[in-house]
Amino acid sequence: MGELRARFWELPLAELDRAEWEALCDGCGRCCLHKLEDEDTGEIAHTNVACKLLDTETARCMDYRHRKAFVPDCLRLTLKLVSEVSWLPETCAYRRRAEDKPLPEWHPLLAGGREAMVRAGRCVAGKVVSECEAGPLEHHIVDWGDEDLGHDWDSDGEDRA
């Protein structure tokens, strides 16, 4: 990977190079969780069931570089998908930048590491179960607490409600 530009996260997403795009991810792990979609309404139900490659204690992919070989339907988030995928959390750096919003103060690029994100409760580490152990997804539906319309997110991605 090349050298990252200073404060690259403030640039429009379309101007990021691949290394910057990858570095923008906060590593919360939410993209790696299974979701259920209601066939009639299109409503998304979130689960606490992780992809088999997600380390459930660290929320990191155990083989990120080769993940598509093991999980063919693994979603590679692109500029186009950011605007199309409705289930990205309000705090997702890609979603926030696509909406021209700043990163939350706990984001690893601003806080200097993942610890602030974990303390803020924004990481799935230790809160999920592997799909290899979970059983039926319907038994694992969760509310991560940030999908309700009643939430009023401030510029730091914190809930003001």
N, C-alpha and C. Protein backbone atom coordinates (compact mmCIF):
# COMPACT_ATOMS: atom_id res chain seq x y z
N MET A 1 0.84 -1.19 0.00
CA MET A 1 0.00 0.00 0.00
C MET A 1 0.88 1.24 0.00
N GLY A 2 0.39 2.24 -0.70
CA GLY A 2 1.12 3.50 -0.78
C GLY A 2 0.92 4.34 0.46
N GLU A 3 1.60 5.46 0.48
CA GLU A 3 1.48 6.38 1.59
C GLU A 3 0.12 7.06 1.53
N LEU A 4 -0.52 7.20 2.68
CA LEU A 4 -1.84 7.83 2.75
C LEU A 4 -1.68 9.35 2.83
N ARG A 5 -2.53 10.06 2.11
CA ARG A 5 -2.48 11.52 2.16
C ARG A 5 -2.99 12.01 3.51
N ALA A 6 -2.48 13.14 3.94
CA ALA A 6 -2.93 13.75 5.19
C ALA A 6 -4.41 14.05 5.11
N ARG A 7 -5.14 13.69 6.13
CA ARG A 7 -6.58 13.98 6.27
C ARG A 7 -7.38 13.54 5.04
N PHE A 8 -6.96 12.45 4.42
CA PHE A 8 -7.65 11.95 3.23
C PHE A 8 -9.13 11.66 3.48
N TRP A 9 -9.48 11.36 4.73
CA TRP A 9 -10.87 11.03 5.07
C TRP A 9 -11.81 12.22 4.91
N GLU A 10 -11.29 13.39 4.73
CA GLU A 10 -12.13 14.56 4.51
C GLU A 10 -12.43 14.77 3.02
N LEU A 11 -11.76 14.03 2.16
CA LEU A 11 -11.97 14.14 0.72
C LEU A 11 -13.26 13.42 0.32
N PRO A 12 -13.83 13.79 -0.83
CA PRO A 12 -14.96 13.01 -1.35
C PRO A 12 -14.51 11.57 -1.61
N LEU A 13 -15.39 10.62 -1.42
CA LEU A 13 -15.04 9.21 -1.59
C LEU A 13 -14.46 8.93 -2.97
N ALA A 14 -14.98 9.59 -4.00
CA ALA A 14 -14.54 9.35 -5.37
C ALA A 14 -13.07 9.73 -5.58
N GLU A 15 -12.50 10.51 -4.69
CA GLU A 15 -11.11 10.94 -4.84
C GLU A 15 -10.11 10.06 -4.10
N LEU A 16 -10.59 9.07 -3.36
CA LEU A 16 -9.70 8.20 -2.59
C LEU A 16 -9.07 7.14 -3.48
N ASP A 17 -7.79 6.85 -3.23
CA ASP A 17 -7.18 5.72 -3.92
C ASP A 17 -7.52 4.45 -3.11
N ARG A 18 -7.12 3.31 -3.63
CA ARG A 18 -7.51 2.04 -3.00
C ARG A 18 -7.02 1.94 -1.54
N ALA A 19 -5.79 2.34 -1.29
CA ALA A 19 -5.25 2.27 0.08
C ALA A 19 -6.04 3.17 1.02
N GLU A 20 -6.39 4.35 0.57
CA GLU A 20 -7.18 5.27 1.39
C GLU A 20 -8.58 4.73 1.62
N TRP A 21 -9.17 4.14 0.58
CA TRP A 21 -10.50 3.55 0.69
C TRP A 21 -10.50 2.48 1.78
N GLU A 22 -9.51 1.59 1.71
CA GLU A 22 -9.43 0.51 2.69
C GLU A 22 -9.20 1.06 4.10
N ALA A 23 -8.36 2.08 4.22
CA ALA A 23 -8.03 2.66 5.53
C ALA A 23 -9.21 3.40 6.14
N LEU A 24 -10.18 3.81 5.32
CA LEU A 24 -11.34 4.54 5.81
C LEU A 24 -12.25 3.66 6.67
N CYS A 25 -12.24 2.37 6.42
CA CYS A 25 -13.09 1.46 7.18
C CYS A 25 -12.73 1.51 8.66
N ASP A 26 -13.75 1.64 9.53
CA ASP A 26 -13.47 1.68 10.96
C ASP A 26 -13.28 0.29 11.57
N GLY A 27 -13.63 -0.74 10.82
CA GLY A 27 -13.44 -2.10 11.32
C GLY A 27 -14.48 -2.54 12.33
N CYS A 28 -15.66 -1.94 12.31
CA CYS A 28 -16.70 -2.28 13.29
C CYS A 28 -17.21 -3.71 13.12
N GLY A 29 -17.13 -4.26 11.91
CA GLY A 29 -17.56 -5.63 11.66
C GLY A 29 -19.01 -5.78 11.24
N ARG A 30 -19.76 -4.71 11.19
CA ARG A 30 -21.19 -4.81 10.87
C ARG A 30 -21.44 -5.31 9.44
N CYS A 31 -20.55 -4.99 8.51
CA CYS A 31 -20.71 -5.48 7.13
C CYS A 31 -20.62 -7.00 7.07
N CYS A 32 -19.94 -7.60 8.03
CA CYS A 32 -19.68 -9.03 8.02
C CYS A 32 -20.73 -9.84 8.76
N LEU A 33 -21.82 -9.20 9.13
CA LEU A 33 -22.91 -9.90 9.82
C LEU A 33 -24.03 -10.22 8.84
N HIS A 34 -24.67 -11.35 9.06
CA HIS A 34 -25.79 -11.75 8.21
C HIS A 34 -26.99 -10.85 8.48
N LYS A 35 -27.71 -10.59 7.40
CA LYS A 35 -28.96 -9.81 7.49
C LYS A 35 -30.06 -10.62 6.82
N LEU A 36 -31.27 -10.41 7.27
CA LEU A 36 -32.43 -11.06 6.67
C LEU A 36 -33.29 -9.99 6.03
N GLU A 37 -33.77 -10.25 4.83
CA GLU A 37 -34.63 -9.29 4.14
C GLU A 37 -36.02 -9.87 3.99
N ASP A 38 -37.04 -9.13 4.44
CA ASP A 38 -38.42 -9.53 4.28
C ASP A 38 -38.78 -9.49 2.80
N GLU A 39 -39.25 -10.61 2.27
CA GLU A 39 -39.55 -10.70 0.84
C GLU A 39 -40.65 -9.73 0.41
N ASP A 40 -41.60 -9.46 1.30
CA ASP A 40 -42.73 -8.60 0.95
C ASP A 40 -42.43 -7.12 1.10
N THR A 41 -41.75 -6.75 2.18
CA THR A 41 -41.55 -5.33 2.47
C THR A 41 -40.15 -4.83 2.12
N GLY A 42 -39.19 -5.75 2.00
CA GLY A 42 -37.81 -5.35 1.75
C GLY A 42 -37.11 -4.90 3.02
N GLU A 43 -37.81 -4.94 4.16
CA GLU A 43 -37.22 -4.52 5.43
C GLU A 43 -36.07 -5.45 5.81
N ILE A 44 -35.02 -4.85 6.32
CA ILE A 44 -33.83 -5.60 6.72
C ILE A 44 -33.87 -5.86 8.22
N ALA A 45 -33.66 -7.12 8.59
CA ALA A 45 -33.51 -7.50 10.00
C ALA A 45 -32.03 -7.83 10.22
N HIS A 46 -31.44 -7.20 11.19
CA HIS A 46 -30.02 -7.42 11.50
C HIS A 46 -29.88 -8.59 12.46
N THR A 47 -28.77 -9.29 12.35
CA THR A 47 -28.50 -10.40 13.26
C THR A 47 -27.15 -10.20 13.93
N ASN A 48 -26.89 -11.05 14.90
CA ASN A 48 -25.58 -11.05 15.54
C ASN A 48 -24.77 -12.26 15.07
N VAL A 49 -25.06 -12.71 13.85
CA VAL A 49 -24.37 -13.87 13.28
C VAL A 49 -23.32 -13.39 12.28
N ALA A 50 -22.09 -13.76 12.57
CA ALA A 50 -20.95 -13.31 11.76
C ALA A 50 -20.59 -14.32 10.68
N CYS A 51 -20.05 -13.80 9.62
CA CYS A 51 -19.45 -14.61 8.56
C CYS A 51 -18.43 -15.55 9.20
N LYS A 52 -18.26 -16.72 8.60
CA LYS A 52 -17.33 -17.70 9.17
C LYS A 52 -15.89 -17.20 9.24
N LEU A 53 -15.55 -16.18 8.45
CA LEU A 53 -14.19 -15.66 8.48
C LEU A 53 -13.97 -14.53 9.49
N LEU A 54 -15.05 -14.04 10.08
CA LEU A 54 -14.89 -12.95 11.04
C LEU A 54 -14.49 -13.51 12.40
N ASP A 55 -13.40 -13.03 12.93
CA ASP A 55 -12.98 -13.40 14.28
C ASP A 55 -13.96 -12.71 15.22
N THR A 56 -14.75 -13.47 15.95
CA THR A 56 -15.82 -12.89 16.77
C THR A 56 -15.30 -12.12 17.97
N GLU A 57 -14.07 -12.31 18.36
CA GLU A 57 -13.51 -11.58 19.50
C GLU A 57 -12.83 -10.28 19.09
N THR A 58 -12.37 -10.18 17.84
CA THR A 58 -11.67 -8.97 17.40
C THR A 58 -12.43 -8.20 16.33
N ALA A 59 -13.44 -8.83 15.71
CA ALA A 59 -14.20 -8.25 14.60
C ALA A 59 -13.31 -7.98 13.38
N ARG A 60 -12.32 -8.81 13.20
CA ARG A 60 -11.44 -8.70 12.03
C ARG A 60 -11.56 -9.96 11.18
N CYS A 61 -11.51 -9.77 9.88
CA CYS A 61 -11.54 -10.90 8.96
C CYS A 61 -10.26 -11.70 9.11
N MET A 62 -10.42 -13.02 9.19
CA MET A 62 -9.25 -13.88 9.38
C MET A 62 -8.49 -14.14 8.07
N ASP A 63 -9.08 -13.80 6.93
CA ASP A 63 -8.38 -13.94 5.64
C ASP A 63 -8.94 -12.91 4.66
N TYR A 64 -8.80 -11.65 5.00
CA TYR A 64 -9.38 -10.56 4.21
C TYR A 64 -8.95 -10.60 2.75
N ARG A 65 -7.68 -10.81 2.51
CA ARG A 65 -7.16 -10.80 1.14
C ARG A 65 -7.81 -11.87 0.27
N HIS A 66 -8.09 -13.04 0.83
CA HIS A 66 -8.63 -14.17 0.06
C HIS A 66 -10.09 -14.48 0.39
N ARG A 67 -10.78 -13.57 1.03
CA ARG A 67 -12.12 -13.84 1.54
C ARG A 67 -13.11 -14.30 0.46
N LYS A 68 -13.01 -13.74 -0.74
CA LYS A 68 -13.95 -14.10 -1.80
C LYS A 68 -13.81 -15.56 -2.22
N ALA A 69 -12.65 -16.15 -2.04
CA ALA A 69 -12.45 -17.56 -2.37
C ALA A 69 -13.21 -18.46 -1.41
N PHE A 70 -13.35 -18.02 -0.16
CA PHE A 70 -14.02 -18.81 0.85
C PHE A 70 -15.48 -18.41 1.04
N VAL A 71 -15.79 -17.14 0.77
CA VAL A 71 -17.14 -16.61 0.92
C VAL A 71 -17.48 -15.86 -0.38
N PRO A 72 -17.92 -16.58 -1.40
CA PRO A 72 -18.15 -15.96 -2.71
C PRO A 72 -19.12 -14.78 -2.71
N ASP A 73 -20.07 -14.77 -1.79
CA ASP A 73 -21.03 -13.65 -1.76
C ASP A 73 -20.60 -12.52 -0.82
N CYS A 74 -19.34 -12.55 -0.38
CA CYS A 74 -18.82 -11.46 0.44
C CYS A 74 -18.90 -10.17 -0.36
N LEU A 75 -19.45 -9.16 0.26
CA LEU A 75 -19.67 -7.89 -0.42
C LEU A 75 -18.43 -7.02 -0.34
N ARG A 76 -17.91 -6.62 -1.49
CA ARG A 76 -16.81 -5.66 -1.53
C ARG A 76 -17.45 -4.29 -1.70
N LEU A 77 -17.38 -3.50 -0.66
CA LEU A 77 -18.02 -2.19 -0.67
C LEU A 77 -17.33 -1.26 -1.66
N THR A 78 -18.10 -0.71 -2.59
CA THR A 78 -17.59 0.21 -3.60
C THR A 78 -18.32 1.54 -3.48
N LEU A 79 -17.85 2.53 -4.21
CA LEU A 79 -18.49 3.83 -4.21
C LEU A 79 -19.96 3.71 -4.60
N LYS A 80 -20.24 2.91 -5.61
CA LYS A 80 -21.62 2.72 -6.06
C LYS A 80 -22.46 2.02 -4.99
N LEU A 81 -21.92 0.98 -4.38
CA LEU A 81 -22.68 0.23 -3.37
C LEU A 81 -22.98 1.07 -2.12
N VAL A 82 -22.08 1.97 -1.77
CA VAL A 82 -22.31 2.79 -0.57
C VAL A 82 -23.65 3.51 -0.67
N SER A 83 -23.98 3.99 -1.86
CA SER A 83 -25.25 4.72 -2.02
C SER A 83 -26.44 3.78 -2.22
N GLU A 84 -26.18 2.53 -2.53
CA GLU A 84 -27.26 1.58 -2.79
C GLU A 84 -27.62 0.71 -1.59
N VAL A 85 -26.67 0.47 -0.71
CA VAL A 85 -26.87 -0.45 0.42
C VAL A 85 -27.52 0.31 1.57
N SER A 86 -28.73 -0.09 1.91
CA SER A 86 -29.48 0.63 2.94
C SER A 86 -29.12 0.24 4.36
N TRP A 87 -28.43 -0.88 4.53
CA TRP A 87 -28.20 -1.39 5.88
C TRP A 87 -26.89 -0.93 6.51
N LEU A 88 -26.12 -0.10 5.83
CA LEU A 88 -24.91 0.41 6.48
C LEU A 88 -25.30 1.22 7.70
N PRO A 89 -24.61 1.02 8.81
CA PRO A 89 -24.97 1.78 10.01
C PRO A 89 -24.76 3.28 9.84
N GLU A 90 -25.50 4.05 10.59
CA GLU A 90 -25.39 5.52 10.55
C GLU A 90 -23.96 5.98 10.80
N THR A 91 -23.21 5.20 11.55
CA THR A 91 -21.85 5.58 11.93
C THR A 91 -20.80 5.12 10.93
N CYS A 92 -21.18 4.35 9.91
CA CYS A 92 -20.23 3.83 8.93
C CYS A 92 -19.51 4.99 8.24
N ALA A 93 -18.18 4.92 8.22
CA ALA A 93 -17.38 5.98 7.63
C ALA A 93 -17.70 6.19 6.16
N TYR A 94 -17.93 5.11 5.43
CA TYR A 94 -18.26 5.25 4.01
C TYR A 94 -19.61 5.96 3.84
N ARG A 95 -20.57 5.55 4.63
CA ARG A 95 -21.89 6.19 4.56
C ARG A 95 -21.80 7.66 4.95
N ARG A 96 -21.12 7.94 6.05
CA ARG A 96 -21.00 9.32 6.53
C ARG A 96 -20.31 10.21 5.49
N ARG A 97 -19.23 9.72 4.90
CA ARG A 97 -18.52 10.54 3.90
C ARG A 97 -19.35 10.69 2.63
N ALA A 98 -20.10 9.66 2.25
CA ALA A 98 -20.98 9.77 1.08
C ALA A 98 -22.05 10.84 1.31
N GLU A 99 -22.44 11.01 2.58
CA GLU A 99 -23.43 12.02 2.96
C GLU A 99 -22.75 13.35 3.33
N ASP A 100 -21.47 13.47 3.07
CA ASP A 100 -20.67 14.66 3.37
C ASP A 100 -20.67 15.01 4.85
N LYS A 101 -20.65 13.98 5.69
CA LYS A 101 -20.60 14.16 7.14
C LYS A 101 -19.20 13.77 7.62
N PRO A 102 -18.76 14.36 8.72
CA PRO A 102 -17.43 14.01 9.26
C PRO A 102 -17.43 12.64 9.92
N LEU A 103 -16.23 12.12 10.11
CA LEU A 103 -16.10 10.87 10.84
C LEU A 103 -16.40 11.11 12.31
N PRO A 104 -16.94 10.09 12.99
CA PRO A 104 -17.15 10.24 14.44
C PRO A 104 -15.81 10.32 15.16
N GLU A 105 -15.79 10.98 16.30
CA GLU A 105 -14.53 11.21 17.03
C GLU A 105 -13.84 9.92 17.45
N TRP A 106 -14.60 8.83 17.59
CA TRP A 106 -14.01 7.55 18.00
C TRP A 106 -13.42 6.77 16.82
N HIS A 107 -13.57 7.26 15.59
CA HIS A 107 -13.06 6.54 14.44
C HIS A 107 -11.55 6.32 14.61
N PRO A 108 -11.04 5.13 14.30
CA PRO A 108 -9.62 4.85 14.50
C PRO A 108 -8.66 5.84 13.83
N LEU A 109 -9.04 6.42 12.70
CA LEU A 109 -8.17 7.40 12.06
C LEU A 109 -8.03 8.68 12.88
N LEU A 110 -9.05 9.02 13.63
CA LEU A 110 -9.02 10.23 14.46
C LEU A 110 -8.52 9.93 15.87
N ALA A 111 -8.88 8.77 16.38
CA ALA A 111 -8.54 8.42 17.77
C ALA A 111 -7.18 7.73 17.89
N GLY A 112 -6.59 7.36 16.77
CA GLY A 112 -5.28 6.73 16.82
C GLY A 112 -5.30 5.23 17.06
N GLY A 113 -6.46 4.62 17.01
CA GLY A 113 -6.56 3.17 17.20
C GLY A 113 -8.00 2.75 17.41
N ARG A 114 -8.21 1.45 17.54
CA ARG A 114 -9.56 0.88 17.66
C ARG A 114 -10.16 0.98 19.06
N GLU A 115 -9.35 1.27 20.05
CA GLU A 115 -9.82 1.23 21.43
C GLU A 115 -11.00 2.17 21.67
N ALA A 116 -10.95 3.38 21.12
CA ALA A 116 -12.04 4.34 21.32
C ALA A 116 -13.34 3.83 20.70
N MET A 117 -13.24 3.17 19.55
CA MET A 117 -14.42 2.61 18.90
C MET A 117 -15.03 1.51 19.76
N VAL A 118 -14.20 0.67 20.31
CA VAL A 118 -14.67 -0.41 21.17
C VAL A 118 -15.33 0.17 22.42
N ARG A 119 -14.68 1.16 23.05
CA ARG A 119 -15.25 1.81 24.24
C ARG A 119 -16.59 2.47 23.93
N ALA A 120 -16.74 3.01 22.72
CA ALA A 120 -17.99 3.67 22.33
C ALA A 120 -19.08 2.66 21.99
N GLY A 121 -18.75 1.37 22.02
CA GLY A 121 -19.75 0.33 21.74
C GLY A 121 -20.07 0.18 20.27
N ARG A 122 -19.21 0.64 19.38
CA ARG A 122 -19.48 0.63 17.94
C ARG A 122 -18.89 -0.56 17.21
N CYS A 123 -18.26 -1.47 17.92
CA CYS A 123 -17.63 -2.63 17.32
C CYS A 123 -18.38 -3.89 17.75
N VAL A 124 -18.48 -4.87 16.85
CA VAL A 124 -19.21 -6.10 17.17
C VAL A 124 -18.35 -7.12 17.91
N ALA A 125 -17.09 -6.82 18.13
CA ALA A 125 -16.19 -7.75 18.81
C ALA A 125 -16.78 -8.18 20.15
N GLY A 126 -16.84 -9.49 20.34
CA GLY A 126 -17.36 -10.04 21.59
C GLY A 126 -18.88 -10.01 21.71
N LYS A 127 -19.57 -9.56 20.68
CA LYS A 127 -21.03 -9.44 20.73
C LYS A 127 -21.73 -10.33 19.70
N VAL A 128 -20.95 -11.13 18.98
CA VAL A 128 -21.50 -11.91 17.88
C VAL A 128 -21.11 -13.38 17.99
N VAL A 129 -21.79 -14.20 17.19
CA VAL A 129 -21.51 -15.63 17.13
C VAL A 129 -21.23 -15.98 15.67
N SER A 130 -20.35 -16.93 15.45
CA SER A 130 -20.02 -17.37 14.10
C SER A 130 -21.18 -18.13 13.48
N GLU A 131 -21.32 -17.99 12.16
CA GLU A 131 -22.35 -18.73 11.44
C GLU A 131 -22.14 -20.23 11.57
N CYS A 132 -20.94 -20.66 11.89
CA CYS A 132 -20.64 -22.08 12.06
C CYS A 132 -21.29 -22.65 13.32
N GLU A 133 -21.67 -21.77 14.25
CA GLU A 133 -22.24 -22.20 15.53
C GLU A 133 -23.66 -21.71 15.77
N ALA A 134 -24.15 -20.80 14.95
CA ALA A 134 -25.36 -20.05 15.26
C ALA A 134 -26.68 -20.81 15.14
N GLY A 135 -26.83 -21.63 14.15
CA GLY A 135 -28.14 -22.21 13.89
C GLY A 135 -28.98 -21.24 13.08
N PRO A 136 -30.31 -21.36 13.15
CA PRO A 136 -31.19 -20.52 12.32
C PRO A 136 -31.00 -19.01 12.58
N LEU A 137 -30.82 -18.26 11.51
CA LEU A 137 -30.62 -16.81 11.63
C LEU A 137 -31.78 -16.13 12.32
N GLU A 138 -32.99 -16.64 12.12
CA GLU A 138 -34.18 -16.04 12.71
C GLU A 138 -34.11 -15.99 14.24
N HIS A 139 -33.28 -16.83 14.82
CA HIS A 139 -33.11 -16.87 16.28
C HIS A 139 -32.09 -15.85 16.77
N HIS A 140 -31.51 -15.11 15.85
CA HIS A 140 -30.42 -14.20 16.20
C HIS A 140 -30.67 -12.76 15.76
N ILE A 141 -31.92 -12.39 15.57
CA ILE A 141 -32.24 -11.02 15.17
C ILE A 141 -31.97 -10.09 16.34
N VAL A 142 -31.28 -8.99 16.05
CA VAL A 142 -30.91 -8.02 17.08
C VAL A 142 -31.21 -6.60 16.61
N ASP A 143 -31.28 -5.71 17.56
CA ASP A 143 -31.38 -4.28 17.27
C ASP A 143 -30.08 -3.67 17.79
N TRP A 144 -29.24 -3.22 16.88
CA TRP A 144 -27.95 -2.67 17.28
C TRP A 144 -28.08 -1.28 17.88
N GLY A 145 -29.30 -0.74 17.91
CA GLY A 145 -29.54 0.53 18.60
C GLY A 145 -29.29 1.76 17.79
N ASP A 146 -28.95 1.62 16.50
CA ASP A 146 -28.72 2.82 15.71
C ASP A 146 -29.53 2.85 14.43
N GLU A 147 -30.49 1.98 14.32
CA GLU A 147 -31.27 1.92 13.08
C GLU A 147 -32.63 2.62 13.20
N ASP A 148 -33.01 3.01 14.41
CA ASP A 148 -34.31 3.65 14.60
C ASP A 148 -34.30 5.07 14.08
N LEU A 149 -35.40 5.46 13.45
CA LEU A 149 -35.51 6.82 12.92
C LEU A 149 -35.52 7.86 14.04
N GLY A 150 -35.84 7.44 15.24
CA GLY A 150 -35.90 8.37 16.36
C GLY A 150 -34.53 8.85 16.83
N HIS A 151 -33.48 8.23 16.34
CA HIS A 151 -32.14 8.64 16.76
C HIS A 151 -31.73 9.91 16.05
N ASP A 152 -31.09 10.78 16.78
CA ASP A 152 -30.59 12.04 16.25
C ASP A 152 -29.08 12.02 16.41
N TRP A 153 -28.35 11.74 15.33
CA TRP A 153 -26.91 11.60 15.40
C TRP A 153 -26.25 12.95 15.25
N ASP A 154 -25.32 13.25 16.13
CA ASP A 154 -24.58 14.50 16.00
C ASP A 154 -23.39 14.28 15.07
N SER A 155 -22.60 15.30 14.87
CA SER A 155 -21.50 15.20 13.91
C SER A 155 -20.43 14.20 14.31
N ASP A 156 -20.43 13.79 15.57
CA ASP A 156 -19.45 12.81 16.02
C ASP A 156 -20.00 11.39 15.95
N GLY A 157 -21.24 11.22 15.44
CA GLY A 157 -21.82 9.90 15.36
C GLY A 157 -22.37 9.42 16.68
N GLU A 158 -22.52 10.31 17.61
CA GLU A 158 -23.09 9.96 18.91
C GLU A 158 -24.59 10.24 18.91
N ASP A 159 -25.32 9.45 19.66
CA ASP A 159 -26.77 9.58 19.73
C ASP A 159 -27.15 10.69 20.70
N ARG A 160 -27.91 11.69 20.20
CA ARG A 160 -28.35 12.80 21.05
C ARG A 160 -29.73 12.57 21.63
N ALA A 161 -30.40 11.49 21.21
CA ALA A 161 -31.78 11.24 21.68
C ALA A 161 -31.80 10.89 23.15
